[in-house]
Amino acid sequence: MPEQPQTPRGAATYQRILDAATEEFAQHGIAGARVDRIVSAARTNKAQLYSYFGDKGQLFDAIFLDSLDSITNTVPIDAEDLADWAVRLYDEYLRRPDLIRLATWTRLERRPTGHLAESHDDYDDHKLSAIAAAQKAGQVRDGDPFDIMAMVIAMSMAWSPVSNVYAADSSEPAKVHSSRRSLLRECVSQAMRPH
């Protein structure tokens, strides 16, 4: 069983490993990631990495679940304004494209069908409840709350690193991002409006 760091120095090493591994996995995926590059970037050794995380697969799982927590906590759902939620997701993908790449690698290398995470209830239940409440209040169109959530997330990812058309970058002109936000807001508002 992997151990958790017990000292401030251990906690700092643990965080350096997480940071280096996040970058490595986002860039190269699970199969392409190299533990040697991770420990070099984290200024530690393999023994320490394996002590804290077990193996490369467990390290990826820890990082991926942390990325889901990050997006869930950084961009909490507002079911009464799903368009605003979509825009905030768009902004988070610009700020942290590595998080979307981790999800993409998970889909490609670990879970090609079904929910992206085994523990999806931990991430979805509160969102689904919020959407159902907004539907009951007549603020969101009828339909399965899960499908509503999936559609809004998909729309928010139109220009993300997983786009089949165009991946946006935070260095693009502010005017371009503003235009995309407006279009996204309008499209989500129209699509989720009660009929």
N, C-alpha and C. Protein backbone atom coordinates (compact mmCIF):
# COMPACT_ATOMS: atom_id res chain seq x y z
N MET A 1 0.83 -1.18 0.00
CA MET A 1 0.00 0.00 0.00
C MET A 1 0.89 1.25 0.00
N PRO A 2 0.70 2.17 -0.93
CA PRO A 2 1.50 3.39 -0.94
C PRO A 2 1.35 4.18 0.35
N GLU A 3 2.40 4.88 0.72
CA GLU A 3 2.37 5.66 1.95
C GLU A 3 2.21 7.15 1.64
N GLN A 4 1.65 7.87 2.57
CA GLN A 4 1.51 9.31 2.45
C GLN A 4 2.70 9.98 3.15
N PRO A 5 3.13 11.12 2.67
CA PRO A 5 4.27 11.78 3.31
C PRO A 5 3.93 12.20 4.75
N GLN A 6 4.92 12.07 5.62
CA GLN A 6 4.72 12.36 7.03
C GLN A 6 5.39 13.65 7.49
N THR A 7 6.20 14.24 6.64
CA THR A 7 6.95 15.44 7.02
C THR A 7 6.69 16.55 6.00
N PRO A 8 6.96 17.80 6.37
CA PRO A 8 6.82 18.89 5.39
C PRO A 8 7.71 18.67 4.16
N ARG A 9 8.91 18.16 4.37
CA ARG A 9 9.79 17.90 3.24
C ARG A 9 9.20 16.80 2.34
N GLY A 10 8.65 15.76 2.95
CA GLY A 10 8.00 14.69 2.20
C GLY A 10 6.79 15.21 1.43
N ALA A 11 6.02 16.08 2.07
CA ALA A 11 4.85 16.66 1.41
C ALA A 11 5.27 17.50 0.20
N ALA A 12 6.38 18.20 0.33
CA ALA A 12 6.88 19.01 -0.79
C ALA A 12 7.33 18.11 -1.94
N THR A 13 8.00 17.02 -1.62
CA THR A 13 8.43 16.06 -2.65
C THR A 13 7.20 15.44 -3.32
N TYR A 14 6.24 15.06 -2.51
CA TYR A 14 4.99 14.47 -3.02
C TYR A 14 4.34 15.42 -4.03
N GLN A 15 4.26 16.71 -3.68
CA GLN A 15 3.64 17.69 -4.58
C GLN A 15 4.47 17.89 -5.85
N ARG A 16 5.79 17.89 -5.73
CA ARG A 16 6.64 18.01 -6.92
C ARG A 16 6.42 16.84 -7.86
N ILE A 17 6.26 15.64 -7.29
CA ILE A 17 5.99 14.46 -8.11
C ILE A 17 4.65 14.63 -8.83
N LEU A 18 3.63 15.06 -8.10
CA LEU A 18 2.32 15.28 -8.72
C LEU A 18 2.40 16.30 -9.85
N ASP A 19 3.09 17.40 -9.61
CA ASP A 19 3.20 18.45 -10.63
C ASP A 19 3.95 17.95 -11.86
N ALA A 20 5.08 17.29 -11.64
CA ALA A 20 5.87 16.78 -12.77
C ALA A 20 5.11 15.70 -13.52
N ALA A 21 4.43 14.83 -12.79
CA ALA A 21 3.70 13.75 -13.43
C ALA A 21 2.49 14.28 -14.20
N THR A 22 1.84 15.31 -13.68
CA THR A 22 0.71 15.90 -14.40
C THR A 22 1.16 16.38 -15.76
N GLU A 23 2.27 17.08 -15.80
CA GLU A 23 2.80 17.58 -17.06
C GLU A 23 3.21 16.43 -17.99
N GLU A 24 3.87 15.44 -17.43
CA GLU A 24 4.34 14.30 -18.23
C GLU A 24 3.17 13.51 -18.81
N PHE A 25 2.18 13.18 -17.98
CA PHE A 25 1.04 12.41 -18.47
C PHE A 25 0.18 13.21 -19.44
N ALA A 26 0.02 14.48 -19.18
CA ALA A 26 -0.77 15.31 -20.10
C ALA A 26 -0.11 15.37 -21.47
N GLN A 27 1.20 15.41 -21.49
CA GLN A 27 1.94 15.49 -22.75
C GLN A 27 2.03 14.16 -23.48
N HIS A 28 2.25 13.07 -22.74
CA HIS A 28 2.60 11.80 -23.37
C HIS A 28 1.61 10.66 -23.15
N GLY A 29 0.60 10.86 -22.31
CA GLY A 29 -0.33 9.77 -22.00
C GLY A 29 0.28 8.79 -21.02
N ILE A 30 -0.47 7.74 -20.73
CA ILE A 30 -0.01 6.75 -19.75
C ILE A 30 1.13 5.92 -20.34
N ALA A 31 0.91 5.38 -21.52
CA ALA A 31 1.91 4.50 -22.13
C ALA A 31 3.20 5.26 -22.47
N GLY A 32 3.07 6.50 -22.89
CA GLY A 32 4.24 7.27 -23.32
C GLY A 32 4.98 7.97 -22.20
N ALA A 33 4.35 8.11 -21.04
CA ALA A 33 5.00 8.79 -19.92
C ALA A 33 6.18 7.96 -19.42
N ARG A 34 7.20 8.64 -18.98
CA ARG A 34 8.40 7.96 -18.48
C ARG A 34 8.67 8.38 -17.04
N VAL A 35 8.79 7.37 -16.17
CA VAL A 35 9.06 7.62 -14.75
C VAL A 35 10.39 8.35 -14.60
N ASP A 36 11.37 8.03 -15.43
CA ASP A 36 12.68 8.71 -15.34
C ASP A 36 12.53 10.22 -15.51
N ARG A 37 11.70 10.64 -16.47
CA ARG A 37 11.50 12.08 -16.69
C ARG A 37 10.75 12.70 -15.51
N ILE A 38 9.81 11.96 -14.96
CA ILE A 38 9.04 12.48 -13.82
C ILE A 38 9.94 12.71 -12.62
N VAL A 39 10.73 11.70 -12.26
CA VAL A 39 11.58 11.86 -11.07
C VAL A 39 12.66 12.91 -11.29
N SER A 40 13.14 13.03 -12.52
CA SER A 40 14.13 14.06 -12.81
C SER A 40 13.52 15.45 -12.64
N ALA A 41 12.33 15.66 -13.21
CA ALA A 41 11.67 16.96 -13.09
C ALA A 41 11.27 17.25 -11.65
N ALA A 42 10.93 16.21 -10.89
CA ALA A 42 10.51 16.39 -9.50
C ALA A 42 11.69 16.44 -8.52
N ARG A 43 12.89 16.27 -9.04
CA ARG A 43 14.10 16.27 -8.21
C ARG A 43 14.00 15.25 -7.06
N THR A 44 13.67 14.02 -7.44
CA THR A 44 13.56 12.94 -6.46
C THR A 44 14.06 11.66 -7.11
N ASN A 45 13.66 10.51 -6.59
CA ASN A 45 14.10 9.23 -7.14
C ASN A 45 12.91 8.29 -7.29
N LYS A 46 13.14 7.21 -8.01
CA LYS A 46 12.07 6.24 -8.27
C LYS A 46 11.55 5.61 -6.98
N ALA A 47 12.45 5.32 -6.07
CA ALA A 47 12.03 4.69 -4.81
C ALA A 47 11.01 5.57 -4.08
N GLN A 48 11.25 6.87 -4.07
CA GLN A 48 10.32 7.78 -3.40
C GLN A 48 8.98 7.82 -4.13
N LEU A 49 9.02 7.89 -5.46
CA LEU A 49 7.79 7.90 -6.25
C LEU A 49 6.99 6.62 -5.99
N TYR A 50 7.64 5.47 -6.05
CA TYR A 50 6.93 4.21 -5.84
C TYR A 50 6.44 4.07 -4.40
N SER A 51 7.18 4.63 -3.46
CA SER A 51 6.74 4.60 -2.06
C SER A 51 5.44 5.37 -1.88
N TYR A 52 5.34 6.54 -2.53
CA TYR A 52 4.16 7.38 -2.39
C TYR A 52 2.98 6.93 -3.26
N PHE A 53 3.27 6.36 -4.43
CA PHE A 53 2.19 6.12 -5.39
C PHE A 53 2.04 4.67 -5.84
N GLY A 54 2.96 3.80 -5.50
CA GLY A 54 2.84 2.40 -5.87
C GLY A 54 3.49 2.11 -7.22
N ASP A 55 2.86 2.55 -8.29
CA ASP A 55 3.42 2.35 -9.62
C ASP A 55 2.93 3.47 -10.54
N LYS A 56 3.36 3.42 -11.78
CA LYS A 56 3.01 4.48 -12.74
C LYS A 56 1.50 4.58 -12.93
N GLY A 57 0.82 3.45 -12.99
CA GLY A 57 -0.63 3.46 -13.17
C GLY A 57 -1.35 4.10 -11.99
N GLN A 58 -0.91 3.78 -10.79
CA GLN A 58 -1.53 4.38 -9.60
C GLN A 58 -1.22 5.88 -9.53
N LEU A 59 -0.04 6.27 -9.98
CA LEU A 59 0.30 7.68 -10.02
C LEU A 59 -0.64 8.41 -10.99
N PHE A 60 -0.84 7.83 -12.17
CA PHE A 60 -1.77 8.45 -13.12
C PHE A 60 -3.16 8.56 -12.52
N ASP A 61 -3.64 7.50 -11.87
CA ASP A 61 -4.98 7.53 -11.28
C ASP A 61 -5.10 8.65 -10.25
N ALA A 62 -4.07 8.82 -9.43
CA ALA A 62 -4.09 9.88 -8.41
C ALA A 62 -4.17 11.25 -9.08
N ILE A 63 -3.41 11.43 -10.13
CA ILE A 63 -3.41 12.71 -10.84
C ILE A 63 -4.73 12.95 -11.54
N PHE A 64 -5.26 11.92 -12.18
CA PHE A 64 -6.52 12.08 -12.90
C PHE A 64 -7.66 12.43 -11.93
N LEU A 65 -7.75 11.72 -10.81
CA LEU A 65 -8.81 12.02 -9.84
C LEU A 65 -8.64 13.42 -9.26
N ASP A 66 -7.39 13.82 -9.05
CA ASP A 66 -7.13 15.19 -8.58
C ASP A 66 -7.58 16.21 -9.63
N SER A 67 -7.40 15.89 -10.91
CA SER A 67 -7.84 16.83 -11.97
C SER A 67 -9.35 16.94 -11.99
N LEU A 68 -10.07 15.84 -11.75
CA LEU A 68 -11.53 15.91 -11.68
C LEU A 68 -11.97 16.76 -10.50
N ASP A 69 -11.31 16.57 -9.37
CA ASP A 69 -11.61 17.41 -8.19
C ASP A 69 -11.37 18.87 -8.51
N SER A 70 -10.26 19.15 -9.18
CA SER A 70 -9.90 20.52 -9.50
C SER A 70 -10.97 21.20 -10.34
N ILE A 71 -11.39 20.54 -11.41
CA ILE A 71 -12.41 21.16 -12.27
C ILE A 71 -13.74 21.28 -11.53
N THR A 72 -14.11 20.25 -10.77
CA THR A 72 -15.38 20.29 -10.04
C THR A 72 -15.39 21.43 -9.02
N ASN A 73 -14.28 21.61 -8.32
CA ASN A 73 -14.23 22.64 -7.28
C ASN A 73 -13.97 24.03 -7.83
N THR A 74 -13.19 24.12 -8.90
CA THR A 74 -12.87 25.42 -9.47
C THR A 74 -14.03 25.97 -10.28
N VAL A 75 -14.78 25.07 -10.91
CA VAL A 75 -15.89 25.49 -11.77
C VAL A 75 -17.17 24.80 -11.31
N PRO A 76 -17.68 25.21 -10.16
CA PRO A 76 -18.91 24.56 -9.66
C PRO A 76 -20.10 24.87 -10.58
N ILE A 77 -21.00 23.91 -10.67
CA ILE A 77 -22.15 24.08 -11.54
C ILE A 77 -23.10 25.13 -10.98
N ASP A 78 -23.72 25.87 -11.88
CA ASP A 78 -24.85 26.75 -11.56
C ASP A 78 -25.95 26.31 -12.51
N ALA A 79 -26.80 25.40 -12.05
CA ALA A 79 -27.84 24.84 -12.92
C ALA A 79 -28.88 25.87 -13.34
N GLU A 80 -28.97 26.96 -12.60
CA GLU A 80 -29.91 28.02 -12.97
C GLU A 80 -29.34 28.88 -14.10
N ASP A 81 -28.04 28.75 -14.37
CA ASP A 81 -27.40 29.47 -15.47
C ASP A 81 -26.35 28.56 -16.10
N LEU A 82 -26.82 27.56 -16.82
CA LEU A 82 -25.91 26.59 -17.44
C LEU A 82 -25.00 27.25 -18.48
N ALA A 83 -25.48 28.32 -19.09
CA ALA A 83 -24.65 29.03 -20.08
C ALA A 83 -23.43 29.64 -19.40
N ASP A 84 -23.62 30.21 -18.23
CA ASP A 84 -22.49 30.77 -17.49
C ASP A 84 -21.53 29.66 -17.07
N TRP A 85 -22.07 28.52 -16.65
CA TRP A 85 -21.23 27.39 -16.28
C TRP A 85 -20.38 26.96 -17.47
N ALA A 86 -20.98 26.88 -18.66
CA ALA A 86 -20.25 26.49 -19.86
C ALA A 86 -19.11 27.47 -20.15
N VAL A 87 -19.37 28.76 -19.99
CA VAL A 87 -18.34 29.77 -20.24
C VAL A 87 -17.21 29.65 -19.21
N ARG A 88 -17.57 29.41 -17.97
CA ARG A 88 -16.52 29.24 -16.95
C ARG A 88 -15.70 27.98 -17.21
N LEU A 89 -16.33 26.92 -17.71
CA LEU A 89 -15.59 25.72 -18.10
C LEU A 89 -14.63 26.04 -19.25
N TYR A 90 -15.11 26.78 -20.25
CA TYR A 90 -14.26 27.20 -21.37
C TYR A 90 -13.02 27.91 -20.83
N ASP A 91 -13.22 28.84 -19.91
CA ASP A 91 -12.10 29.58 -19.35
C ASP A 91 -11.13 28.68 -18.60
N GLU A 92 -11.67 27.69 -17.88
CA GLU A 92 -10.80 26.77 -17.14
C GLU A 92 -9.98 25.91 -18.11
N TYR A 93 -10.57 25.51 -19.23
CA TYR A 93 -9.83 24.73 -20.22
C TYR A 93 -8.70 25.56 -20.82
N LEU A 94 -8.93 26.86 -20.97
CA LEU A 94 -7.85 27.74 -21.44
C LEU A 94 -6.74 27.84 -20.41
N ARG A 95 -7.14 27.96 -19.16
CA ARG A 95 -6.18 28.12 -18.08
C ARG A 95 -5.40 26.84 -17.80
N ARG A 96 -6.09 25.69 -17.89
CA ARG A 96 -5.48 24.40 -17.55
C ARG A 96 -5.74 23.35 -18.63
N PRO A 97 -5.16 23.52 -19.81
CA PRO A 97 -5.41 22.53 -20.86
C PRO A 97 -4.91 21.13 -20.48
N ASP A 98 -3.96 21.06 -19.55
CA ASP A 98 -3.45 19.75 -19.12
C ASP A 98 -4.54 18.89 -18.51
N LEU A 99 -5.52 19.51 -17.85
CA LEU A 99 -6.58 18.73 -17.22
C LEU A 99 -7.44 18.03 -18.27
N ILE A 100 -7.70 18.71 -19.37
CA ILE A 100 -8.49 18.11 -20.45
C ILE A 100 -7.67 17.02 -21.14
N ARG A 101 -6.39 17.24 -21.29
CA ARG A 101 -5.55 16.21 -21.92
C ARG A 101 -5.53 14.95 -21.05
N LEU A 102 -5.49 15.10 -19.74
CA LEU A 102 -5.52 13.93 -18.85
C LEU A 102 -6.81 13.14 -19.04
N ALA A 103 -7.93 13.85 -19.15
CA ALA A 103 -9.20 13.17 -19.38
C ALA A 103 -9.19 12.45 -20.73
N THR A 104 -8.58 13.07 -21.72
CA THR A 104 -8.50 12.46 -23.05
C THR A 104 -7.66 11.19 -23.01
N TRP A 105 -6.52 11.23 -22.35
CA TRP A 105 -5.70 10.03 -22.23
C TRP A 105 -6.44 8.94 -21.47
N THR A 106 -7.20 9.32 -20.45
CA THR A 106 -7.98 8.32 -19.71
C THR A 106 -8.97 7.64 -20.65
N ARG A 107 -9.64 8.45 -21.47
CA ARG A 107 -10.61 7.89 -22.41
C ARG A 107 -9.92 6.99 -23.44
N LEU A 108 -8.77 7.40 -23.92
CA LEU A 108 -8.07 6.63 -24.94
C LEU A 108 -7.42 5.36 -24.40
N GLU A 109 -6.84 5.45 -23.20
CA GLU A 109 -6.01 4.34 -22.71
C GLU A 109 -6.62 3.52 -21.58
N ARG A 110 -7.66 4.05 -20.93
CA ARG A 110 -8.20 3.33 -19.78
C ARG A 110 -9.68 3.00 -19.89
N ARG A 111 -10.50 3.97 -20.27
CA ARG A 111 -11.95 3.79 -20.21
C ARG A 111 -12.58 4.26 -21.53
N PRO A 112 -12.49 3.45 -22.57
CA PRO A 112 -12.99 3.89 -23.88
C PRO A 112 -14.50 4.06 -23.95
N THR A 113 -15.24 3.44 -23.04
CA THR A 113 -16.69 3.59 -23.02
C THR A 113 -17.17 3.81 -21.60
N GLY A 114 -18.41 4.25 -21.48
CA GLY A 114 -18.99 4.45 -20.15
C GLY A 114 -18.48 5.72 -19.49
N HIS A 115 -18.65 5.77 -18.19
CA HIS A 115 -18.22 6.94 -17.42
C HIS A 115 -16.70 7.05 -17.43
N LEU A 116 -16.23 8.26 -17.38
CA LEU A 116 -14.79 8.51 -17.41
C LEU A 116 -14.11 8.05 -16.12
N ALA A 117 -14.84 8.13 -15.00
CA ALA A 117 -14.27 7.72 -13.72
C ALA A 117 -15.19 6.71 -13.06
N GLU A 118 -14.59 5.70 -12.44
CA GLU A 118 -15.39 4.70 -11.72
C GLU A 118 -16.23 5.36 -10.64
N SER A 119 -15.65 6.32 -9.98
CA SER A 119 -16.34 7.01 -8.88
C SER A 119 -17.09 8.23 -9.39
N HIS A 120 -17.72 8.11 -10.57
CA HIS A 120 -18.38 9.26 -11.19
C HIS A 120 -19.46 9.87 -10.31
N ASP A 121 -20.09 9.07 -9.45
CA ASP A 121 -21.13 9.61 -8.57
C ASP A 121 -20.59 10.74 -7.70
N ASP A 122 -19.33 10.60 -7.28
CA ASP A 122 -18.72 11.64 -6.44
C ASP A 122 -18.65 12.98 -7.16
N TYR A 123 -18.54 12.94 -8.48
CA TYR A 123 -18.40 14.16 -9.26
C TYR A 123 -19.70 14.61 -9.91
N ASP A 124 -20.62 13.67 -10.13
CA ASP A 124 -21.82 13.98 -10.89
C ASP A 124 -23.08 14.18 -10.06
N ASP A 125 -23.20 13.50 -8.94
CA ASP A 125 -24.48 13.50 -8.22
C ASP A 125 -24.99 14.89 -7.88
N HIS A 126 -24.11 15.75 -7.36
CA HIS A 126 -24.57 17.09 -6.99
C HIS A 126 -24.95 17.91 -8.22
N LYS A 127 -24.26 17.67 -9.35
CA LYS A 127 -24.60 18.37 -10.59
C LYS A 127 -25.96 17.91 -11.10
N LEU A 128 -26.17 16.61 -11.07
CA LEU A 128 -27.44 16.06 -11.56
C LEU A 128 -28.60 16.52 -10.68
N SER A 129 -28.38 16.57 -9.39
CA SER A 129 -29.43 17.07 -8.48
C SER A 129 -29.75 18.53 -8.75
N ALA A 130 -28.71 19.31 -9.00
CA ALA A 130 -28.92 20.74 -9.29
C ALA A 130 -29.68 20.92 -10.60
N ILE A 131 -29.35 20.14 -11.61
CA ILE A 131 -30.05 20.23 -12.89
C ILE A 131 -31.50 19.80 -12.73
N ALA A 132 -31.72 18.72 -12.00
CA ALA A 132 -33.10 18.24 -11.78
C ALA A 132 -33.92 19.30 -11.04
N ALA A 133 -33.31 19.97 -10.07
CA ALA A 133 -34.02 21.03 -9.34
C ALA A 133 -34.35 22.20 -10.26
N ALA A 134 -33.40 22.56 -11.14
CA ALA A 134 -33.64 23.65 -12.09
C ALA A 134 -34.72 23.25 -13.10
N GLN A 135 -34.76 21.99 -13.47
CA GLN A 135 -35.82 21.51 -14.37
C GLN A 135 -37.18 21.60 -13.67
N LYS A 136 -37.22 21.18 -12.44
CA LYS A 136 -38.48 21.22 -11.66
C LYS A 136 -38.98 22.65 -11.51
N ALA A 137 -38.03 23.60 -11.40
CA ALA A 137 -38.40 25.01 -11.26
C ALA A 137 -38.71 25.66 -12.61
N GLY A 138 -38.62 24.88 -13.69
CA GLY A 138 -38.94 25.41 -15.02
C GLY A 138 -37.84 26.26 -15.63
N GLN A 139 -36.59 26.11 -15.15
CA GLN A 139 -35.48 26.92 -15.65
C GLN A 139 -34.64 26.21 -16.71
N VAL A 140 -34.77 24.90 -16.80
CA VAL A 140 -33.99 24.09 -17.73
C VAL A 140 -34.93 23.12 -18.43
N ARG A 141 -34.67 22.89 -19.70
CA ARG A 141 -35.51 21.99 -20.51
C ARG A 141 -35.62 20.61 -19.88
N ASP A 142 -36.66 19.89 -20.27
CA ASP A 142 -36.84 18.52 -19.82
C ASP A 142 -35.76 17.64 -20.45
N GLY A 143 -35.54 16.51 -19.85
CA GLY A 143 -34.58 15.54 -20.34
C GLY A 143 -33.80 14.95 -19.19
N ASP A 144 -33.11 13.89 -19.47
CA ASP A 144 -32.29 13.24 -18.45
C ASP A 144 -31.24 14.24 -17.97
N PRO A 145 -31.16 14.51 -16.67
CA PRO A 145 -30.16 15.47 -16.18
C PRO A 145 -28.73 15.11 -16.58
N PHE A 146 -28.44 13.82 -16.66
CA PHE A 146 -27.10 13.43 -17.09
C PHE A 146 -26.85 13.87 -18.53
N ASP A 147 -27.82 13.68 -19.40
CA ASP A 147 -27.66 14.08 -20.80
C ASP A 147 -27.56 15.59 -20.93
N ILE A 148 -28.30 16.32 -20.12
CA ILE A 148 -28.21 17.79 -20.12
C ILE A 148 -26.79 18.20 -19.73
N MET A 149 -26.28 17.62 -18.63
CA MET A 149 -24.92 17.93 -18.17
C MET A 149 -23.90 17.60 -19.25
N ALA A 150 -24.02 16.40 -19.85
CA ALA A 150 -23.06 15.98 -20.87
C ALA A 150 -23.07 16.93 -22.07
N MET A 151 -24.24 17.40 -22.46
CA MET A 151 -24.33 18.29 -23.61
C MET A 151 -23.69 19.65 -23.31
N VAL A 152 -23.93 20.19 -22.13
CA VAL A 152 -23.34 21.48 -21.77
C VAL A 152 -21.81 21.37 -21.71
N ILE A 153 -21.33 20.28 -21.12
CA ILE A 153 -19.87 20.09 -21.05
C ILE A 153 -19.30 19.96 -22.46
N ALA A 154 -19.97 19.19 -23.32
CA ALA A 154 -19.48 19.02 -24.69
C ALA A 154 -19.43 20.37 -25.43
N MET A 155 -20.45 21.19 -25.24
CA MET A 155 -20.45 22.50 -25.89
C MET A 155 -19.32 23.37 -25.36
N SER A 156 -19.05 23.27 -24.07
CA SER A 156 -17.98 24.08 -23.47
C SER A 156 -16.61 23.66 -24.00
N MET A 157 -16.50 22.44 -24.50
CA MET A 157 -15.23 21.91 -24.98
C MET A 157 -15.02 22.11 -26.48
N ALA A 158 -15.89 22.89 -27.12
CA ALA A 158 -15.81 23.06 -28.58
C ALA A 158 -14.44 23.52 -29.06
N TRP A 159 -13.76 24.33 -28.26
CA TRP A 159 -12.43 24.84 -28.65
C TRP A 159 -11.34 24.33 -27.71
N SER A 160 -11.61 23.29 -26.98
CA SER A 160 -10.64 22.77 -26.00
C SER A 160 -9.59 21.90 -26.69
N PRO A 161 -8.60 21.42 -25.96
CA PRO A 161 -7.58 20.56 -26.56
C PRO A 161 -8.14 19.26 -27.16
N VAL A 162 -9.39 18.90 -26.87
CA VAL A 162 -9.95 17.69 -27.46
C VAL A 162 -10.80 17.98 -28.69
N SER A 163 -10.84 19.22 -29.11
CA SER A 163 -11.64 19.59 -30.28
C SER A 163 -11.10 18.92 -31.54
N ASN A 164 -12.02 18.45 -32.37
CA ASN A 164 -11.63 17.89 -33.66
C ASN A 164 -11.47 18.99 -34.71
N VAL A 165 -11.79 20.21 -34.34
CA VAL A 165 -11.77 21.32 -35.29
C VAL A 165 -10.65 22.30 -35.00
N TYR A 166 -10.59 22.79 -33.75
CA TYR A 166 -9.62 23.84 -33.42
C TYR A 166 -9.41 23.88 -31.90
N ALA A 167 -8.18 23.85 -31.47
CA ALA A 167 -7.86 23.96 -30.05
C ALA A 167 -7.42 25.38 -29.74
N ALA A 168 -8.17 26.05 -28.90
CA ALA A 168 -7.87 27.42 -28.52
C ALA A 168 -6.67 27.47 -27.59
N ASP A 169 -6.10 28.66 -27.49
CA ASP A 169 -4.95 28.88 -26.63
C ASP A 169 -5.15 30.21 -25.92
N SER A 170 -4.71 30.27 -24.68
CA SER A 170 -4.91 31.50 -23.89
C SER A 170 -4.17 32.70 -24.47
N SER A 171 -3.20 32.46 -25.34
CA SER A 171 -2.44 33.57 -25.92
C SER A 171 -3.16 34.26 -27.10
N GLU A 172 -4.28 33.70 -27.52
CA GLU A 172 -5.03 34.33 -28.61
C GLU A 172 -5.60 35.66 -28.13
N PRO A 173 -5.92 36.56 -29.05
CA PRO A 173 -6.45 37.87 -28.65
C PRO A 173 -7.71 37.76 -27.79
N ALA A 174 -7.82 38.65 -26.83
CA ALA A 174 -8.97 38.66 -25.93
C ALA A 174 -10.28 38.78 -26.70
N LYS A 175 -10.25 39.51 -27.80
CA LYS A 175 -11.45 39.70 -28.62
C LYS A 175 -11.96 38.35 -29.16
N VAL A 176 -11.05 37.48 -29.53
CA VAL A 176 -11.42 36.15 -30.04
C VAL A 176 -12.11 35.35 -28.94
N HIS A 177 -11.54 35.36 -27.74
CA HIS A 177 -12.14 34.62 -26.63
C HIS A 177 -13.50 35.21 -26.25
N SER A 178 -13.59 36.50 -26.28
CA SER A 178 -14.86 37.16 -25.96
C SER A 178 -15.95 36.75 -26.95
N SER A 179 -15.60 36.69 -28.21
CA SER A 179 -16.56 36.28 -29.24
C SER A 179 -17.00 34.83 -29.02
N ARG A 180 -16.07 33.96 -28.70
CA ARG A 180 -16.41 32.55 -28.44
C ARG A 180 -17.29 32.42 -27.21
N ARG A 181 -16.96 33.16 -26.17
CA ARG A 181 -17.78 33.12 -24.95
C ARG A 181 -19.22 33.54 -25.25
N SER A 182 -19.37 34.59 -26.02
CA SER A 182 -20.72 35.07 -26.38
C SER A 182 -21.48 34.01 -27.16
N LEU A 183 -20.83 33.41 -28.14
CA LEU A 183 -21.47 32.37 -28.95
C LEU A 183 -21.83 31.17 -28.08
N LEU A 184 -20.92 30.75 -27.23
CA LEU A 184 -21.17 29.61 -26.34
C LEU A 184 -22.33 29.91 -25.41
N ARG A 185 -22.32 31.10 -24.82
CA ARG A 185 -23.40 31.49 -23.91
C ARG A 185 -24.75 31.45 -24.63
N GLU A 186 -24.81 32.00 -25.82
CA GLU A 186 -26.06 32.04 -26.58
C GLU A 186 -26.53 30.64 -26.96
N CYS A 187 -25.61 29.80 -27.43
CA CYS A 187 -25.98 28.45 -27.86
C CYS A 187 -26.46 27.60 -26.69
N VAL A 188 -25.77 27.65 -25.56
CA VAL A 188 -26.19 26.87 -24.40
C VAL A 188 -27.53 27.40 -23.89
N SER A 189 -27.68 28.71 -23.83
CA SER A 189 -28.95 29.29 -23.38
C SER A 189 -30.11 28.81 -24.23
N GLN A 190 -29.94 28.83 -25.54
CA GLN A 190 -31.01 28.39 -26.44
C GLN A 190 -31.26 26.90 -26.32
N ALA A 191 -30.19 26.11 -26.27
CA ALA A 191 -30.35 24.66 -26.21
C ALA A 191 -30.99 24.18 -24.91
N MET A 192 -30.74 24.89 -23.82
CA MET A 192 -31.22 24.43 -22.51
C MET A 192 -32.48 25.16 -22.04
N ARG A 193 -32.97 26.07 -22.86
CA ARG A 193 -34.20 26.81 -22.52
C ARG A 193 -35.38 25.84 -22.45
N PRO A 194 -36.23 25.99 -21.44
CA PRO A 194 -37.42 25.12 -21.37
C PRO A 194 -38.33 25.37 -22.56
N HIS A 195 -38.95 24.33 -23.06
CA HIS A 195 -39.85 24.46 -24.20
C HIS A 195 -41.28 24.58 -23.76
